[in-house]
Amino acid sequence: DKRTFPIRQSGSVFITVPYSRMNDEMRRIARLGGKIVRIHSL
């Protein structure tokens, strides 16, 4: 998984993932110390 996102200390990053990958992405964000502020369907 070589995707990189520019993350500033107080910035918000919007990541769009298919529903099937949502749990994996949530775990990855939590592992990186990120906080998920909103989840919505497209």
PDB file of N, CA and C in Angstrom:
ATOM      1  N   ASP A   1       0.853  -1.187   0.000  1.00  0.00           N
ATOM      2  CA  ASP A   1       0.000   0.000   0.000  1.00  0.00           C
ATOM      3  C   ASP A   1       0.890   1.239   0.000  1.00  0.00           C
ATOM      4  N   LYS A   2       1.185   1.731  -1.158  1.00  0.00           N
ATOM      5  CA  LYS A   2       2.162   2.808  -1.285  1.00  0.00           C
ATOM      6  C   LYS A   2       1.512   4.182  -1.417  1.00  0.00           C
ATOM      7  N   ARG A   3       0.204   4.255  -1.225  1.00  0.00           N
ATOM      8  CA  ARG A   3      -0.449   5.560  -1.353  1.00  0.00           C
ATOM      9  C   ARG A   3      -0.033   6.454  -0.200  1.00  0.00           C
ATOM     10  N   THR A   4       0.290   7.679  -0.503  1.00  0.00           N
ATOM     11  CA  THR A   4       0.650   8.618   0.549  1.00  0.00           C
ATOM     12  C   THR A   4      -0.268   9.816   0.474  1.00  0.00           C
ATOM     13  N   PHE A   5      -0.606  10.350   1.611  1.00  0.00           N
ATOM     14  CA  PHE A   5      -1.472  11.510   1.673  1.00  0.00           C
ATOM     15  C   PHE A   5      -0.739  12.603   2.428  1.00  0.00           C
ATOM     16  N   PRO A   6      -0.812  13.816   1.922  1.00  0.00           N
ATOM     17  CA  PRO A   6      -0.192  14.919   2.665  1.00  0.00           C
ATOM     18  C   PRO A   6      -1.000  15.204   3.926  1.00  0.00           C
ATOM     19  N   ILE A   7      -0.383  15.024   5.066  1.00  0.00           N
ATOM     20  CA  ILE A   7      -1.100  15.220   6.322  1.00  0.00           C
ATOM     21  C   ILE A   7      -0.398  16.313   7.115  1.00  0.00           C
ATOM     22  N   ARG A   8      -1.111  17.410   7.331  1.00  0.00           N
ATOM     23  CA  ARG A   8      -0.562  18.451   8.185  1.00  0.00           C
ATOM     24  C   ARG A   8      -0.993  18.160   9.610  1.00  0.00           C
ATOM     25  N   GLN A   9      -0.315  18.786  10.555  1.00  0.00           N
ATOM     26  CA  GLN A   9      -0.567  18.462  11.950  1.00  0.00           C
ATOM     27  C   GLN A   9      -2.025  18.691  12.333  1.00  0.00           C
ATOM     28  N   SER A  10      -2.631  19.745  11.792  1.00  0.00           N
ATOM     29  CA  SER A  10      -4.012  20.031  12.168  1.00  0.00           C
ATOM     30  C   SER A  10      -4.934  19.906  10.966  1.00  0.00           C
ATOM     31  N   GLY A  11      -4.439  19.294   9.905  1.00  0.00           N
ATOM     32  CA  GLY A  11      -5.202  19.273   8.672  1.00  0.00           C
ATOM     33  C   GLY A  11      -6.223  18.162   8.627  1.00  0.00           C
ATOM     34  N   SER A  12      -7.116  18.276   7.680  1.00  0.00           N
ATOM     35  CA  SER A  12      -8.095  17.225   7.441  1.00  0.00           C
ATOM     36  C   SER A  12      -7.773  16.570   6.107  1.00  0.00           C
ATOM     37  N   VAL A  13      -7.847  15.269   6.093  1.00  0.00           N
ATOM     38  CA  VAL A  13      -7.590  14.535   4.869  1.00  0.00           C
ATOM     39  C   VAL A  13      -8.855  13.780   4.518  1.00  0.00           C
ATOM     40  N   PHE A  14      -9.283  13.933   3.282  1.00  0.00           N
ATOM     41  CA  PHE A  14     -10.485  13.240   2.847  1.00  0.00           C
ATOM     42  C   PHE A  14     -10.068  12.044   2.003  1.00  0.00           C
ATOM     43  N   ILE A  15     -10.478  10.880   2.449  1.00  0.00           N
ATOM     44  CA  ILE A  15     -10.116   9.658   1.743  1.00  0.00           C
ATOM     45  C   ILE A  15     -11.407   8.968   1.315  1.00  0.00           C
ATOM     46  N   THR A  16     -11.494   8.671   0.042  1.00  0.00           N
ATOM     47  CA  THR A  16     -12.665   7.967  -0.465  1.00  0.00           C
ATOM     48  C   THR A  16     -12.272   6.525  -0.752  1.00  0.00           C
ATOM     49  N   VAL A  17     -12.962   5.603  -0.107  1.00  0.00           N
ATOM     50  CA  VAL A  17     -12.666   4.190  -0.330  1.00  0.00           C
ATOM     51  C   VAL A  17     -13.977   3.458  -0.578  1.00  0.00           C
ATOM     52  N   PRO A  18     -13.907   2.361  -1.306  1.00  0.00           N
ATOM     53  CA  PRO A  18     -15.110   1.550  -1.486  1.00  0.00           C
ATOM     54  C   PRO A  18     -15.581   1.004  -0.139  1.00  0.00           C
ATOM     55  N   TYR A  19     -16.868   0.759  -0.053  1.00  0.00           N
ATOM     56  CA  TYR A  19     -17.444   0.295   1.206  1.00  0.00           C
ATOM     57  C   TYR A  19     -16.743  -0.962   1.708  1.00  0.00           C
ATOM     58  N   SER A  20     -16.321  -1.813   0.780  1.00  0.00           N
ATOM     59  CA  SER A  20     -15.702  -3.080   1.178  1.00  0.00           C
ATOM     60  C   SER A  20     -14.352  -2.869   1.852  1.00  0.00           C
ATOM     61  N   ARG A  21     -13.727  -1.706   1.643  1.00  0.00           N
ATOM     62  CA  ARG A  21     -12.406  -1.457   2.228  1.00  0.00           C
ATOM     63  C   ARG A  21     -12.474  -0.519   3.411  1.00  0.00           C
ATOM     64  N   MET A  22     -13.672  -0.141   3.816  1.00  0.00           N
ATOM     65  CA  MET A  22     -13.798   0.887   4.841  1.00  0.00           C
ATOM     66  C   MET A  22     -13.164   0.459   6.161  1.00  0.00           C
ATOM     67  N   ASN A  23     -13.423  -0.774   6.582  1.00  0.00           N
ATOM     68  CA  ASN A  23     -12.870  -1.220   7.858  1.00  0.00           C
ATOM     69  C   ASN A  23     -11.353  -1.230   7.843  1.00  0.00           C
ATOM     70  N   ASP A  24     -10.768  -1.687   6.738  1.00  0.00           N
ATOM     71  CA  ASP A  24      -9.308  -1.691   6.640  1.00  0.00           C
ATOM     72  C   ASP A  24      -8.768  -0.277   6.732  1.00  0.00           C
ATOM     73  N   GLU A  25      -9.420   0.639   6.049  1.00  0.00           N
ATOM     74  CA  GLU A  25      -8.929   2.015   6.033  1.00  0.00           C
ATOM     75  C   GLU A  25      -9.098   2.665   7.403  1.00  0.00           C
ATOM     76  N   MET A  26     -10.194   2.348   8.094  1.00  0.00           N
ATOM     77  CA  MET A  26     -10.405   2.896   9.440  1.00  0.00           C
ATOM     78  C   MET A  26      -9.316   2.416  10.392  1.00  0.00           C
ATOM     79  N   ARG A  27      -8.969   1.126  10.282  1.00  0.00           N
ATOM     80  CA  ARG A  27      -7.899   0.602  11.131  1.00  0.00           C
ATOM     81  C   ARG A  27      -6.574   1.276  10.811  1.00  0.00           C
ATOM     82  N   ARG A  28      -6.309   1.502   9.512  1.00  0.00           N
ATOM     83  CA  ARG A  28      -5.050   2.111   9.113  1.00  0.00           C
ATOM     84  C   ARG A  28      -4.956   3.538   9.636  1.00  0.00           C
ATOM     85  N   ILE A  29      -6.054   4.271   9.548  1.00  0.00           N
ATOM     86  CA  ILE A  29      -6.065   5.652  10.034  1.00  0.00           C
ATOM     87  C   ILE A  29      -5.830   5.675  11.541  1.00  0.00           C
ATOM     88  N   ALA A  30      -6.494   4.780  12.253  1.00  0.00           N
ATOM     89  CA  ALA A  30      -6.331   4.740  13.706  1.00  0.00           C
ATOM     90  C   ALA A  30      -4.890   4.385  14.067  1.00  0.00           C
ATOM     91  N   ARG A  31      -4.291   3.486  13.294  1.00  0.00           N
ATOM     92  CA  ARG A  31      -2.917   3.079  13.578  1.00  0.00           C
ATOM     93  C   ARG A  31      -1.948   4.231  13.351  1.00  0.00           C
ATOM     94  N   LEU A  32      -2.270   5.097  12.405  1.00  0.00           N
ATOM     95  CA  LEU A  32      -1.414   6.247  12.126  1.00  0.00           C
ATOM     96  C   LEU A  32      -1.667   7.384  13.099  1.00  0.00           C
ATOM     97  N   GLY A  33      -2.606   7.193  14.010  1.00  0.00           N
ATOM     98  CA  GLY A  33      -2.892   8.237  14.983  1.00  0.00           C
ATOM     99  C   GLY A  33      -3.885   9.260  14.478  1.00  0.00           C
ATOM    100  N   GLY A  34      -4.541   8.939  13.386  1.00  0.00           N
ATOM    101  CA  GLY A  34      -5.520   9.873  12.835  1.00  0.00           C
ATOM    102  C   GLY A  34      -6.856   9.748  13.529  1.00  0.00           C
ATOM    103  N   LYS A  35      -7.734  10.693  13.251  1.00  0.00           N
ATOM    104  CA  LYS A  35      -9.070  10.664  13.835  1.00  0.00           C
ATOM    105  C   LYS A  35     -10.082  10.750  12.710  1.00  0.00           C
ATOM    106  N   ILE A  36     -11.056   9.878  12.755  1.00  0.00           N
ATOM    107  CA  ILE A  36     -12.105   9.885  11.741  1.00  0.00           C
ATOM    108  C   ILE A  36     -13.226  10.786  12.242  1.00  0.00           C
ATOM    109  N   VAL A  37     -13.495  11.844  11.502  1.00  0.00           N
ATOM    110  CA  VAL A  37     -14.489  12.801  11.973  1.00  0.00           C
ATOM    111  C   VAL A  37     -15.833  12.608  11.293  1.00  0.00           C
ATOM    112  N   ARG A  38     -15.817  12.004  10.115  1.00  0.00           N
ATOM    113  CA  ARG A  38     -17.102  11.833   9.444  1.00  0.00           C
ATOM    114  C   ARG A  38     -17.011  10.715   8.427  1.00  0.00           C
ATOM    115  N   ILE A  39     -18.058   9.927   8.390  1.00  0.00           N
ATOM    116  CA  ILE A  39     -18.175   8.885   7.375  1.00  0.00           C
ATOM    117  C   ILE A  39     -19.532   9.071   6.712  1.00  0.00           C
ATOM    118  N   HIS A  40     -19.518   9.146   5.399  1.00  0.00           N
ATOM    119  CA  HIS A  40     -20.802   9.237   4.716  1.00  0.00           C
ATOM    120  C   HIS A  40     -20.745   8.484   3.416  1.00  0.00           C
ATOM    121  N   SER A  41     -21.903   8.028   2.970  1.00  0.00           N
ATOM    122  CA  SER A  41     -21.958   7.272   1.729  1.00  0.00           C
ATOM    123  C   SER A  41     -22.083   8.230   0.556  1.00  0.00           C
ATOM    124  N   LEU A  42     -21.572   7.791  -0.570  1.00  0.00           N
ATOM    125  CA  LEU A  42     -21.623   8.624  -1.768  1.00  0.00           C
ATOM    126  C   LEU A  42     -22.833   8.247  -2.610  1.00  0.00           C
TER     127      LEU A  42
END
